[in-house]
C-alpha cells in the first residue's frame, strides 16, 4: 500500500508541474501587450484594472456571489487562460460538489 501511495503522489506532483509549465507558456508576459480588450460598460459589480479577458489581461467587471449562490468551478488551466469574473465574495469559495459559494474552511491558505 505504501508503494501505491508514493507512486500516486509522484503522479499528482508531475501532473501539477506539467499544468504549471503549460500555463506559464500560454500566459507569458508581456503577452498582455497584444491582447485586444473590450471596454467595460454598465458594470453592476466592481471594475478592476486586470483579471478579465485572455490570461487576465483586461479590465473586467467582477460580480461577487453570496453564500449558497450557484457558482462555476473552473479547472486550473481554464482559470488561468479564461478567468471567470463572476466569483464568490471574499471569504467564500466555490464548493466543488454543490457548485455553490460556501465559507472557506481555510481562509488563510
PDB file of N, CA and C in Angstrom:
ATOM      1  N   UNK A   1       0.826  -1.196   0.000  1.00  0.00           N
ATOM      2  CA  UNK A   1       0.000   0.000   0.000  1.00  0.00           C
ATOM      3  C   UNK A   1       0.865   1.254   0.000  1.00  0.00           C
ATOM      4  N   UNK A   2       1.987   1.209   0.676  1.00  0.00           N
ATOM      5  CA  UNK A   2       2.882   2.352   0.769  1.00  0.00           C
ATOM      6  C   UNK A   2       3.449   2.720  -0.603  1.00  0.00           C
ATOM      7  N   UNK A   3       3.786   1.714  -1.414  1.00  0.00           N
ATOM      8  CA  UNK A   3       4.328   1.967  -2.749  1.00  0.00           C
ATOM      9  C   UNK A   3       3.270   2.628  -3.625  1.00  0.00           C
ATOM     10  N   UNK A   4       2.037   2.166  -3.526  1.00  0.00           N
ATOM     11  CA  UNK A   4       0.947   2.760  -4.299  1.00  0.00           C
ATOM     12  C   UNK A   4       0.780   4.235  -3.939  1.00  0.00           C
ATOM     13  N   UNK A   5       0.789   4.543  -2.653  1.00  0.00           N
ATOM     14  CA  UNK A   5       0.633   5.921  -2.186  1.00  0.00           C
ATOM     15  C   UNK A   5       1.768   6.792  -2.699  1.00  0.00           C
ATOM     16  N   UNK A   6       2.992   6.296  -2.634  1.00  0.00           N
ATOM     17  CA  UNK A   6       4.159   7.041  -3.114  1.00  0.00           C
ATOM     18  C   UNK A   6       4.040   7.292  -4.617  1.00  0.00           C
ATOM     19  N   UNK A   7       3.690   6.273  -5.377  1.00  0.00           N
ATOM     20  CA  UNK A   7       3.544   6.401  -6.828  1.00  0.00           C
ATOM     21  C   UNK A   7       2.437   7.390  -7.165  1.00  0.00           C
ATOM     22  N   UNK A   8       1.333   7.318  -6.447  1.00  0.00           N
ATOM     23  CA  UNK A   8       0.219   8.236  -6.678  1.00  0.00           C
ATOM     24  C   UNK A   8       0.656   9.677  -6.414  1.00  0.00           C
ATOM     25  N   UNK A   9       1.384   9.902  -5.327  1.00  0.00           N
ATOM     26  CA  UNK A   9       1.871  11.249  -5.002  1.00  0.00           C
ATOM     27  C   UNK A   9       2.808  11.775  -6.080  1.00  0.00           C
ATOM     28  N   UNK A  10       3.691  10.941  -6.576  1.00  0.00           N
ATOM     29  CA  UNK A  10       4.606  11.347  -7.656  1.00  0.00           C
ATOM     30  C   UNK A  10       3.810  11.687  -8.905  1.00  0.00           C
ATOM     31  N   UNK A  11       2.806  10.899  -9.224  1.00  0.00           N
ATOM     32  CA  UNK A  11       1.966  11.153 -10.391  1.00  0.00           C
ATOM     33  C   UNK A  11       1.249  12.500 -10.263  1.00  0.00           C
ATOM     34  N   UNK A  12       0.682  12.784  -9.101  1.00  0.00           N
ATOM     35  CA  UNK A  12      -0.025  14.043  -8.873  1.00  0.00           C
ATOM     36  C   UNK A  12       0.938  15.221  -8.981  1.00  0.00           C
ATOM     37  N   UNK A  13       2.103  15.112  -8.363  1.00  0.00           N
ATOM     38  CA  UNK A  13       3.090  16.191  -8.438  1.00  0.00           C
ATOM     39  C   UNK A  13       3.544  16.434  -9.874  1.00  0.00           C
ATOM     40  N   UNK A  14       3.734  15.366 -10.630  1.00  0.00           N
ATOM     41  CA  UNK A  14       4.127  15.501 -12.042  1.00  0.00           C
ATOM     42  C   UNK A  14       3.039  16.204 -12.846  1.00  0.00           C
ATOM     43  N   UNK A  15       1.794  15.837 -12.577  1.00  0.00           N
ATOM     44  CA  UNK A  15       0.668  16.462 -13.272  1.00  0.00           C
ATOM     45  C   UNK A  15       0.588  17.953 -12.951  1.00  0.00           C
ATOM     46  N   UNK A  16       0.703  18.297 -11.678  1.00  0.00           N
ATOM     47  CA  UNK A  16       0.663  19.709 -11.281  1.00  0.00           C
ATOM     48  C   UNK A  16       1.823  20.490 -11.893  1.00  0.00           C
ATOM     49  N   UNK A  17       2.999  19.905 -11.929  1.00  0.00           N
ATOM     50  CA  UNK A  17       4.162  20.559 -12.529  1.00  0.00           C
ATOM     51  C   UNK A  17       3.915  20.808 -14.019  1.00  0.00           C
ATOM     52  N   UNK A  18       3.354  19.825 -14.707  1.00  0.00           N
ATOM     53  CA  UNK A  18       3.052  19.970 -16.137  1.00  0.00           C
ATOM     54  C   UNK A  18       2.037  21.080 -16.366  1.00  0.00           C
ATOM     55  N   UNK A  19       0.991  21.137 -15.562  1.00  0.00           N
ATOM     56  CA  UNK A  19      -0.024  22.188 -15.689  1.00  0.00           C
ATOM     57  C   UNK A  19       0.607  23.561 -15.472  1.00  0.00           C
ATOM     58  N   UNK A  20       1.483  23.680 -14.488  1.00  0.00           N
ATOM     59  CA  UNK A  20       2.146  24.959 -14.214  1.00  0.00           C
ATOM     60  C   UNK A  20       3.018  25.386 -15.393  1.00  0.00           C
ATOM     61  N   UNK A  21       3.724  24.455 -15.997  1.00  0.00           N
ATOM     62  CA  UNK A  21       4.575  24.779 -17.145  1.00  0.00           C
ATOM     63  C   UNK A  21       3.726  25.206 -18.328  1.00  0.00           C
ATOM     64  N   UNK A  22       2.654  24.466 -18.609  1.00  0.00           N
ATOM     65  CA  UNK A  22       1.775  24.809 -19.739  1.00  0.00           C
ATOM     66  C   UNK A  22       1.150  26.181 -19.519  1.00  0.00           C
ATOM     67  N   UNK A  23       0.661  26.447 -18.314  1.00  0.00           N
ATOM     68  CA  UNK A  23       0.064  27.752 -18.022  1.00  0.00           C
ATOM     69  C   UNK A  23       1.101  28.850 -18.173  1.00  0.00           C
ATOM     70  N   UNK A  24       2.329  28.594 -17.754  1.00  0.00           N
ATOM     71  CA  UNK A  24       3.398  29.578 -17.905  1.00  0.00           C
ATOM     72  C   UNK A  24       3.704  29.858 -19.361  1.00  0.00           C
ATOM     73  N   UNK A  25       3.631  28.842 -20.203  1.00  0.00           N
ATOM     74  CA  UNK A  25       3.893  29.035 -21.630  1.00  0.00           C
ATOM     75  C   UNK A  25       2.742  29.767 -22.312  1.00  0.00           C
ATOM     76  N   UNK A  26       1.525  29.488 -21.891  1.00  0.00           N
ATOM     77  CA  UNK A  26       0.353  30.112 -22.509  1.00  0.00           C
ATOM     78  C   UNK A  26       0.257  31.585 -22.122  1.00  0.00           C
ATOM     79  N   UNK A  27       0.445  31.891 -20.861  1.00  0.00           N
ATOM     80  CA  UNK A  27       0.250  33.252 -20.358  1.00  0.00           C
ATOM     81  C   UNK A  27       1.568  33.919 -19.991  1.00  0.00           C
ATOM     82  N   UNK A  28       2.501  33.934 -20.935  1.00  0.00           N
ATOM     83  CA  UNK A  28       3.779  34.588 -20.682  1.00  0.00           C
ATOM     84  C   UNK A  28       3.637  36.096 -20.823  1.00  0.00           C
ATOM     85  N   UNK A  29       4.312  36.823 -19.956  1.00  0.00           N
ATOM     86  CA  UNK A  29       4.361  38.265 -20.091  1.00  0.00           C
ATOM     87  C   UNK A  29       5.498  38.595 -21.027  1.00  0.00           C
ATOM     88  N   UNK A  30       5.419  39.567 -21.892  1.00  0.00           N
ATOM     89  CA  UNK A  30       4.427  40.639 -21.961  1.00  0.00           C
ATOM     90  C   UNK A  30       3.287  40.341 -22.931  1.00  0.00           C
ATOM     91  N   UNK A  31       2.664  39.184 -22.822  1.00  0.00           N
ATOM     92  CA  UNK A  31       1.590  38.811 -23.747  1.00  0.00           C
ATOM     93  C   UNK A  31       0.410  39.775 -23.686  1.00  0.00           C
ATOM     94  N   UNK A  32       0.219  40.456 -22.570  1.00  0.00           N
ATOM     95  CA  UNK A  32      -0.920  41.371 -22.444  1.00  0.00           C
ATOM     96  C   UNK A  32      -0.814  42.550 -23.407  1.00  0.00           C
ATOM     97  N   UNK A  33       0.390  42.853 -23.879  1.00  0.00           N
ATOM     98  CA  UNK A  33       0.567  43.956 -24.823  1.00  0.00           C
ATOM     99  C   UNK A  33      -0.164  43.703 -26.142  1.00  0.00           C
ATOM    100  N   UNK A  34      -0.401  42.439 -26.466  1.00  0.00           N
ATOM    101  CA  UNK A  34      -1.022  42.112 -27.749  1.00  0.00           C
ATOM    102  C   UNK A  34      -2.495  41.719 -27.626  1.00  0.00           C
ATOM    103  N   UNK A  35      -3.021  41.668 -26.415  1.00  0.00           N
ATOM    104  CA  UNK A  35      -4.413  41.270 -26.208  1.00  0.00           C
ATOM    105  C   UNK A  35      -5.327  42.472 -26.448  1.00  0.00           C
ATOM    106  N   UNK A  36      -6.352  42.274 -27.263  1.00  0.00           N
ATOM    107  CA  UNK A  36      -7.333  43.323 -27.535  1.00  0.00           C
ATOM    108  C   UNK A  36      -8.481  43.157 -26.536  1.00  0.00           C
ATOM    109  N   UNK A  37      -8.685  44.172 -25.719  1.00  0.00           N
ATOM    110  CA  UNK A  37      -9.704  44.101 -24.668  1.00  0.00           C
ATOM    111  C   UNK A  37     -10.943  44.893 -25.057  1.00  0.00           C
ATOM    112  N   UNK A  38     -12.088  44.392 -24.640  1.00  0.00           N
ATOM    113  CA  UNK A  38     -13.335  45.110 -24.867  1.00  0.00           C
ATOM    114  C   UNK A  38     -13.572  46.078 -23.716  1.00  0.00           C
ATOM    115  N   UNK A  39     -14.211  47.201 -23.976  1.00  0.00           N
ATOM    116  CA  UNK A  39     -14.462  48.161 -22.898  1.00  0.00           C
ATOM    117  C   UNK A  39     -15.456  47.600 -21.868  1.00  0.00           C
ATOM    118  N   UNK A  40     -15.310  48.049 -20.642  1.00  0.00           N
ATOM    119  CA  UNK A  40     -16.226  47.645 -19.574  1.00  0.00           C
ATOM    120  C   UNK A  40     -17.316  48.704 -19.481  1.00  0.00           C
ATOM    121  N   UNK A  41     -18.564  48.290 -19.669  1.00  0.00           N
ATOM    122  CA  UNK A  41     -19.684  49.235 -19.621  1.00  0.00           C
ATOM    123  C   UNK A  41     -20.821  48.633 -18.799  1.00  0.00           C
ATOM    124  N   UNK A  42     -21.595  49.490 -18.176  1.00  0.00           N
ATOM    125  CA  UNK A  42     -22.771  49.078 -17.402  1.00  0.00           C
ATOM    126  C   UNK A  42     -22.452  48.005 -16.364  1.00  0.00           C
ATOM    127  N   UNK A  43     -21.390  48.200 -15.631  1.00  0.00           N
ATOM    128  CA  UNK A  43     -20.984  47.237 -14.610  1.00  0.00           C
ATOM    129  C   UNK A  43     -21.815  47.429 -13.348  1.00  0.00           C
ATOM    130  N   UNK A  44     -22.426  46.355 -12.871  1.00  0.00           N
ATOM    131  CA  UNK A  44     -23.185  46.417 -11.622  1.00  0.00           C
ATOM    132  C   UNK A  44     -22.363  45.863 -10.457  1.00  0.00           C
ATOM    133  N   UNK A  45     -21.118  45.497 -10.743  1.00  0.00           N
ATOM    134  CA  UNK A  45     -20.230  44.965  -9.713  1.00  0.00           C
ATOM    135  C   UNK A  45     -19.056  45.908  -9.497  1.00  0.00           C
ATOM    136  N   UNK A  46     -17.862  45.351  -9.403  1.00  0.00           N
ATOM    137  CA  UNK A  46     -16.639  46.113  -9.173  1.00  0.00           C
ATOM    138  C   UNK A  46     -15.744  46.022 -10.404  1.00  0.00           C
ATOM    139  N   UNK A  47     -15.324  47.168 -10.934  1.00  0.00           N
ATOM    140  CA  UNK A  47     -14.418  47.191 -12.074  1.00  0.00           C
ATOM    141  C   UNK A  47     -12.984  47.122 -11.556  1.00  0.00           C
ATOM    142  N   UNK A  48     -12.229  46.154 -12.077  1.00  0.00           N
ATOM    143  CA  UNK A  48     -10.813  46.014 -11.733  1.00  0.00           C
ATOM    144  C   UNK A  48      -9.989  46.199 -12.995  1.00  0.00           C
ATOM    145  N   UNK A  49      -8.772  46.725 -12.826  1.00  0.00           N
ATOM    146  CA  UNK A  49      -7.918  47.012 -13.975  1.00  0.00           C
ATOM    147  C   UNK A  49      -7.370  45.766 -14.657  1.00  0.00           C
ATOM    148  N   UNK A  50      -7.368  44.635 -13.974  1.00  0.00           N
ATOM    149  CA  UNK A  50      -6.921  43.392 -14.595  1.00  0.00           C
ATOM    150  C   UNK A  50      -7.718  42.242 -14.005  1.00  0.00           C
ATOM    151  N   UNK A  51      -7.576  41.081 -14.620  1.00  0.00           N
ATOM    152  CA  UNK A  51      -8.266  39.896 -14.123  1.00  0.00           C
ATOM    153  C   UNK A  51      -9.312  39.366 -15.076  1.00  0.00           C
ATOM    154  N   UNK A  52      -9.596  40.090 -16.154  1.00  0.00           N
ATOM    155  CA  UNK A  52     -10.581  39.634 -17.123  1.00  0.00           C
ATOM    156  C   UNK A  52      -9.937  39.368 -18.466  1.00  0.00           C
ATOM    157  N   UNK A  53     -10.685  38.784 -19.376  1.00  0.00           N
ATOM    158  CA  UNK A  53     -10.187  38.523 -20.720  1.00  0.00           C
ATOM    159  C   UNK A  53      -9.128  37.437 -20.741  1.00  0.00           C
ATOM    160  N   UNK A  54      -8.422  37.371 -21.847  1.00  0.00           N
ATOM    161  CA  UNK A  54      -7.406  36.340 -22.057  1.00  0.00           C
ATOM    162  C   UNK A  54      -6.289  36.472 -21.028  1.00  0.00           C
ATOM    163  N   UNK A  55      -6.053  35.443 -20.263  1.00  0.00           N
ATOM    164  CA  UNK A  55      -4.994  35.379 -19.237  1.00  0.00           C
ATOM    165  C   UNK A  55      -5.096  36.490 -18.200  1.00  0.00           C
ATOM    166  N   UNK A  56      -6.271  37.063 -18.042  1.00  0.00           N
ATOM    167  CA  UNK A  56      -6.457  38.098 -17.026  1.00  0.00           C
ATOM    168  C   UNK A  56      -5.859  39.438 -17.398  1.00  0.00           C
ATOM    169  N   UNK A  57      -5.690  39.699 -18.690  1.00  0.00           N
ATOM    170  CA  UNK A  57      -5.019  40.918 -19.152  1.00  0.00           C
ATOM    171  C   UNK A  57      -5.916  42.154 -19.168  1.00  0.00           C
ATOM    172  N   UNK A  58      -7.202  41.996 -19.170  1.00  0.00           N
ATOM    173  CA  UNK A  58      -8.110  43.112 -19.430  1.00  0.00           C
ATOM    174  C   UNK A  58      -8.827  43.610 -18.180  1.00  0.00           C
ATOM    175  N   UNK A  59      -9.283  44.866 -18.275  1.00  0.00           N
ATOM    176  CA  UNK A  59     -10.190  45.385 -17.246  1.00  0.00           C
ATOM    177  C   UNK A  59     -11.433  44.519 -17.272  1.00  0.00           C
ATOM    178  N   UNK A  60     -12.039  44.354 -16.111  1.00  0.00           N
ATOM    179  CA  UNK A  60     -13.209  43.478 -16.044  1.00  0.00           C
ATOM    180  C   UNK A  60     -14.161  43.938 -14.957  1.00  0.00           C
ATOM    181  N   UNK A  61     -15.409  43.571 -15.145  1.00  0.00           N
ATOM    182  CA  UNK A  61     -16.448  43.817 -14.159  1.00  0.00           C
ATOM    183  C   UNK A  61     -16.626  42.532 -13.359  1.00  0.00           C
ATOM    184  N   UNK A  62     -16.283  42.573 -12.073  1.00  0.00           N
ATOM    185  CA  UNK A  62     -16.415  41.404 -11.213  1.00  0.00           C
ATOM    186  C   UNK A  62     -17.724  41.462 -10.451  1.00  0.00           C
ATOM    187  N   UNK A  63     -18.466  40.383 -10.519  1.00  0.00           N
ATOM    188  CA  UNK A  63     -19.713  40.226  -9.784  1.00  0.00           C
ATOM    189  C   UNK A  63     -19.429  39.241  -8.648  1.00  0.00           C
ATOM    190  N   UNK A  64     -19.753  39.636  -7.415  1.00  0.00           N
ATOM    191  CA  UNK A  64     -19.480  38.798  -6.256  1.00  0.00           C
ATOM    192  C   UNK A  64     -20.757  38.100  -5.792  1.00  0.00           C
ATOM    193  N   UNK A  65     -20.675  36.784  -5.647  1.00  0.00           N
ATOM    194  CA  UNK A  65     -21.815  35.959  -5.252  1.00  0.00           C
ATOM    195  C   UNK A  65     -21.840  35.759  -3.743  1.00  0.00           C
ATOM    196  N   UNK A  66     -23.028  35.667  -3.188  1.00  0.00           N
ATOM    197  CA  UNK A  66     -23.230  35.459  -1.751  1.00  0.00           C
ATOM    198  C   UNK A  66     -23.268  33.963  -1.428  1.00  0.00           C
ATOM    199  N   UNK A  67     -23.298  33.643  -0.153  1.00  0.00           N
ATOM    200  CA  UNK A  67     -23.370  32.263   0.329  1.00  0.00           C
ATOM    201  C   UNK A  67     -24.573  31.539  -0.276  1.00  0.00           C
ATOM    202  N   UNK A  68     -24.349  30.314  -0.696  1.00  0.00           N
ATOM    203  CA  UNK A  68     -25.334  29.399  -1.288  1.00  0.00           C
ATOM    204  C   UNK A  68     -25.751  29.758  -2.709  1.00  0.00           C
ATOM    205  N   UNK A  69     -25.170  30.800  -3.288  1.00  0.00           N
ATOM    206  CA  UNK A  69     -25.477  31.109  -4.688  1.00  0.00           C
ATOM    207  C   UNK A  69     -24.682  30.162  -5.591  1.00  0.00           C
ATOM    208  N   UNK A  70     -25.241  29.832  -6.749  1.00  0.00           N
ATOM    209  CA  UNK A  70     -24.596  28.920  -7.682  1.00  0.00           C
ATOM    210  C   UNK A  70     -23.377  29.580  -8.314  1.00  0.00           C
ATOM    211  N   UNK A  71     -22.269  28.839  -8.361  1.00  0.00           N
ATOM    212  CA  UNK A  71     -21.029  29.349  -8.927  1.00  0.00           C
ATOM    213  C   UNK A  71     -20.462  28.328  -9.913  1.00  0.00           C
ATOM    214  N   UNK A  72     -19.441  28.749 -10.656  1.00  0.00           N
ATOM    215  CA  UNK A  72     -18.817  27.894 -11.663  1.00  0.00           C
ATOM    216  C   UNK A  72     -17.451  27.447 -11.165  1.00  0.00           C
ATOM    217  N   UNK A  73     -17.263  26.135 -11.091  1.00  0.00           N
ATOM    218  CA  UNK A  73     -15.965  25.586 -10.709  1.00  0.00           C
ATOM    219  C   UNK A  73     -15.146  25.440 -11.982  1.00  0.00           C
ATOM    220  N   UNK A  74     -13.951  26.084 -12.014  1.00  0.00           N
ATOM    221  CA  UNK A  74     -13.077  26.001 -13.180  1.00  0.00           C
ATOM    222  C   UNK A  74     -11.867  25.150 -12.858  1.00  0.00           C
ATOM    223  N   UNK A  75     -11.378  24.428 -13.872  1.00  0.00           N
ATOM    224  CA  UNK A  75     -10.123  23.729 -13.646  1.00  0.00           C
ATOM    225  C   UNK A  75      -8.981  24.736 -13.731  1.00  0.00           C
ATOM    226  N   UNK A  76      -7.790  24.330 -13.327  1.00  0.00           N
ATOM    227  CA  UNK A  76      -6.669  25.247 -13.167  1.00  0.00           C
ATOM    228  C   UNK A  76      -6.290  25.952 -14.464  1.00  0.00           C
ATOM    229  N   UNK A  77      -6.144  25.221 -15.559  1.00  0.00           N
ATOM    230  CA  UNK A  77      -5.725  25.837 -16.826  1.00  0.00           C
ATOM    231  C   UNK A  77      -6.792  26.784 -17.338  1.00  0.00           C
ATOM    232  N   UNK A  78      -8.054  26.374 -17.273  1.00  0.00           N
ATOM    233  CA  UNK A  78      -9.150  27.235 -17.722  1.00  0.00           C
ATOM    234  C   UNK A  78      -9.184  28.533 -16.915  1.00  0.00           C
ATOM    235  N   UNK A  79      -8.978  28.425 -15.623  1.00  0.00           N
ATOM    236  CA  UNK A  79      -8.993  29.604 -14.760  1.00  0.00           C
ATOM    237  C   UNK A  79      -7.853  30.554 -15.077  1.00  0.00           C
ATOM    238  N   UNK A  80      -6.714  30.025 -15.497  1.00  0.00           N
ATOM    239  CA  UNK A  80      -5.580  30.885 -15.843  1.00  0.00           C
ATOM    240  C   UNK A  80      -5.756  31.550 -17.201  1.00  0.00           C
ATOM    241  N   UNK A  81      -6.248  30.796 -18.174  1.00  0.00           N
ATOM    242  CA  UNK A  81      -6.361  31.317 -19.533  1.00  0.00           C
ATOM    243  C   UNK A  81      -7.613  32.171 -19.718  1.00  0.00           C
ATOM    244  N   UNK A  82      -8.739  31.731 -19.203  1.00  0.00           N
ATOM    245  CA  UNK A  82     -10.002  32.457 -19.327  1.00  0.00           C
ATOM    246  C   UNK A  82     -10.660  32.581 -17.955  1.00  0.00           C
ATOM    247  N   UNK A  83     -10.135  33.456 -17.117  1.00  0.00           N
ATOM    248  CA  UNK A  83     -10.683  33.552 -15.752  1.00  0.00           C
ATOM    249  C   UNK A  83     -12.121  34.060 -15.751  1.00  0.00           C
ATOM    250  N   UNK A  84     -12.901  33.536 -14.833  1.00  0.00           N
ATOM    251  CA  UNK A  84     -14.284  33.986 -14.699  1.00  0.00           C
ATOM    252  C   UNK A  84     -14.327  35.287 -13.907  1.00  0.00           C
ATOM    253  N   UNK A  85     -15.306  36.106 -14.181  1.00  0.00           N
ATOM    254  CA  UNK A  85     -15.454  37.369 -13.458  1.00  0.00           C
ATOM    255  C   UNK A  85     -16.687  37.347 -12.555  1.00  0.00           C
ATOM    256  N   UNK A  86     -17.347  36.213 -12.480  1.00  0.00           N
ATOM    257  CA  UNK A  86     -18.445  36.018 -11.532  1.00  0.00           C
ATOM    258  C   UNK A  86     -17.905  35.053 -10.491  1.00  0.00           C
ATOM    259  N   UNK A  87     -17.581  35.575  -9.317  1.00  0.00           N
ATOM    260  CA  UNK A  87     -16.876  34.795  -8.304  1.00  0.00           C
ATOM    261  C   UNK A  87     -17.562  34.915  -6.941  1.00  0.00           C
ATOM    262  N   UNK A  88     -17.263  33.974  -6.083  1.00  0.00           N
ATOM    263  CA  UNK A  88     -17.756  34.046  -4.703  1.00  0.00           C
ATOM    264  C   UNK A  88     -17.072  35.220  -4.008  1.00  0.00           C
ATOM    265  N   UNK A  89     -17.821  35.917  -3.153  1.00  0.00           N
ATOM    266  CA  UNK A  89     -17.254  37.079  -2.465  1.00  0.00           C
ATOM    267  C   UNK A  89     -16.113  36.631  -1.560  1.00  0.00           C
ATOM    268  N   UNK A  90     -15.222  37.545  -1.192  1.00  0.00           N
ATOM    269  CA  UNK A  90     -14.094  37.184  -0.330  1.00  0.00           C
ATOM    270  C   UNK A  90     -14.564  36.472   0.943  1.00  0.00           C
ATOM    271  N   UNK A  91     -13.840  35.420   1.315  1.00  0.00           N
ATOM    272  CA  UNK A  91     -14.200  34.612   2.474  1.00  0.00           C
ATOM    273  C   UNK A  91     -15.011  33.385   2.100  1.00  0.00           C
ATOM    274  N   UNK A  92     -15.473  33.341   0.838  1.00  0.00           N
ATOM    275  CA  UNK A  92     -16.224  32.190   0.345  1.00  0.00           C
ATOM    276  C   UNK A  92     -15.436  31.523  -0.767  1.00  0.00           C
ATOM    277  N   UNK A  93     -15.733  30.268  -1.033  1.00  0.00           N
ATOM    278  CA  UNK A  93     -15.138  29.566  -2.164  1.00  0.00           C
ATOM    279  C   UNK A  93     -16.228  28.770  -2.869  1.00  0.00           C
ATOM    280  N   UNK A  94     -16.007  28.488  -4.146  1.00  0.00           N
ATOM    281  CA  UNK A  94     -16.967  27.700  -4.912  1.00  0.00           C
ATOM    282  C   UNK A  94     -16.747  26.231  -4.563  1.00  0.00           C
ATOM    283  N   UNK A  95     -17.676  25.662  -3.805  1.00  0.00           N
ATOM    284  CA  UNK A  95     -17.570  24.282  -3.347  1.00  0.00           C
ATOM    285  C   UNK A  95     -17.830  23.352  -4.531  1.00  0.00           C
ATOM    286  N   UNK A  96     -16.882  22.485  -4.799  1.00  0.00           N
ATOM    287  CA  UNK A  96     -16.886  21.652  -5.999  1.00  0.00           C
ATOM    288  C   UNK A  96     -18.096  20.721  -6.095  1.00  0.00           C
ATOM    289  N   UNK A  97     -18.509  20.089  -5.011  1.00  0.00           N
ATOM    290  CA  UNK A  97     -19.604  19.111  -5.067  1.00  0.00           C
ATOM    291  C   UNK A  97     -20.961  19.755  -5.309  1.00  0.00           C
ATOM    292  N   UNK A  98     -21.212  20.896  -4.698  1.00  0.00           N
ATOM    293  CA  UNK A  98     -22.530  21.525  -4.821  1.00  0.00           C
ATOM    294  C   UNK A  98     -22.565  22.666  -5.832  1.00  0.00           C
ATOM    295  N   UNK A  99     -21.386  23.126  -6.278  1.00  0.00           N
ATOM    296  CA  UNK A  99     -21.272  24.302  -7.166  1.00  0.00           C
ATOM    297  C   UNK A  99     -22.001  25.504  -6.572  1.00  0.00           C
ATOM    298  N   UNK A 100     -21.819  25.686  -5.250  1.00  0.00           N
ATOM    299  CA  UNK A 100     -22.371  26.855  -4.572  1.00  0.00           C
ATOM    300  C   UNK A 100     -21.271  27.509  -3.748  1.00  0.00           C
ATOM    301  N   UNK A 101     -21.438  28.794  -3.474  1.00  0.00           N
ATOM    302  CA  UNK A 101     -20.477  29.525  -2.651  1.00  0.00           C
ATOM    303  C   UNK A 101     -20.662  29.142  -1.188  1.00  0.00           C
ATOM    304  N   UNK A 102     -19.591  28.688  -0.566  1.00  0.00           N
ATOM    305  CA  UNK A 102     -19.619  28.254   0.828  1.00  0.00           C
ATOM    306  C   UNK A 102     -18.447  28.885   1.569  1.00  0.00           C
ATOM    307  N   UNK A 103     -18.554  29.019   2.906  1.00  0.00           N
ATOM    308  CA  UNK A 103     -17.444  29.585   3.672  1.00  0.00           C
ATOM    309  C   UNK A 103     -16.157  28.799   3.429  1.00  0.00           C
ATOM    310  N   UNK A 104     -15.064  29.517   3.241  1.00  0.00           N
ATOM    311  CA  UNK A 104     -13.775  28.894   3.012  1.00  0.00           C
ATOM    312  C   UNK A 104     -13.281  28.274   4.314  1.00  0.00           C
ATOM    313  N   UNK A 105     -13.072  26.932   4.337  1.00  0.00           N
ATOM    314  CA  UNK A 105     -12.616  26.311   5.584  1.00  0.00           C
ATOM    315  C   UNK A 105     -11.162  26.650   5.908  1.00  0.00           C
ATOM    316  N   UNK A 106     -10.424  27.171   4.931  1.00  0.00           N
ATOM    317  CA  UNK A 106      -9.025  27.544   5.115  1.00  0.00           C
ATOM    318  C   UNK A 106      -8.833  28.997   4.686  1.00  0.00           C
ATOM    319  N   UNK A 107      -9.368  29.958   5.437  1.00  0.00           N
ATOM    320  CA  UNK A 107      -9.360  31.343   4.977  1.00  0.00           C
ATOM    321  C   UNK A 107      -7.972  31.975   4.854  1.00  0.00           C
ATOM    322  N   UNK A 108      -6.959  31.365   5.432  1.00  0.00           N
ATOM    323  CA  UNK A 108      -5.624  31.950   5.366  1.00  0.00           C
ATOM    324  C   UNK A 108      -4.679  31.140   4.510  1.00  0.00           C
ATOM    325  N   UNK A 109      -5.180  30.219   3.711  1.00  0.00           N
ATOM    326  CA  UNK A 109      -4.279  29.380   2.946  1.00  0.00           C
ATOM    327  C   UNK A 109      -4.779  29.177   1.595  1.00  0.00           C
TER     328      UNK A 109
END
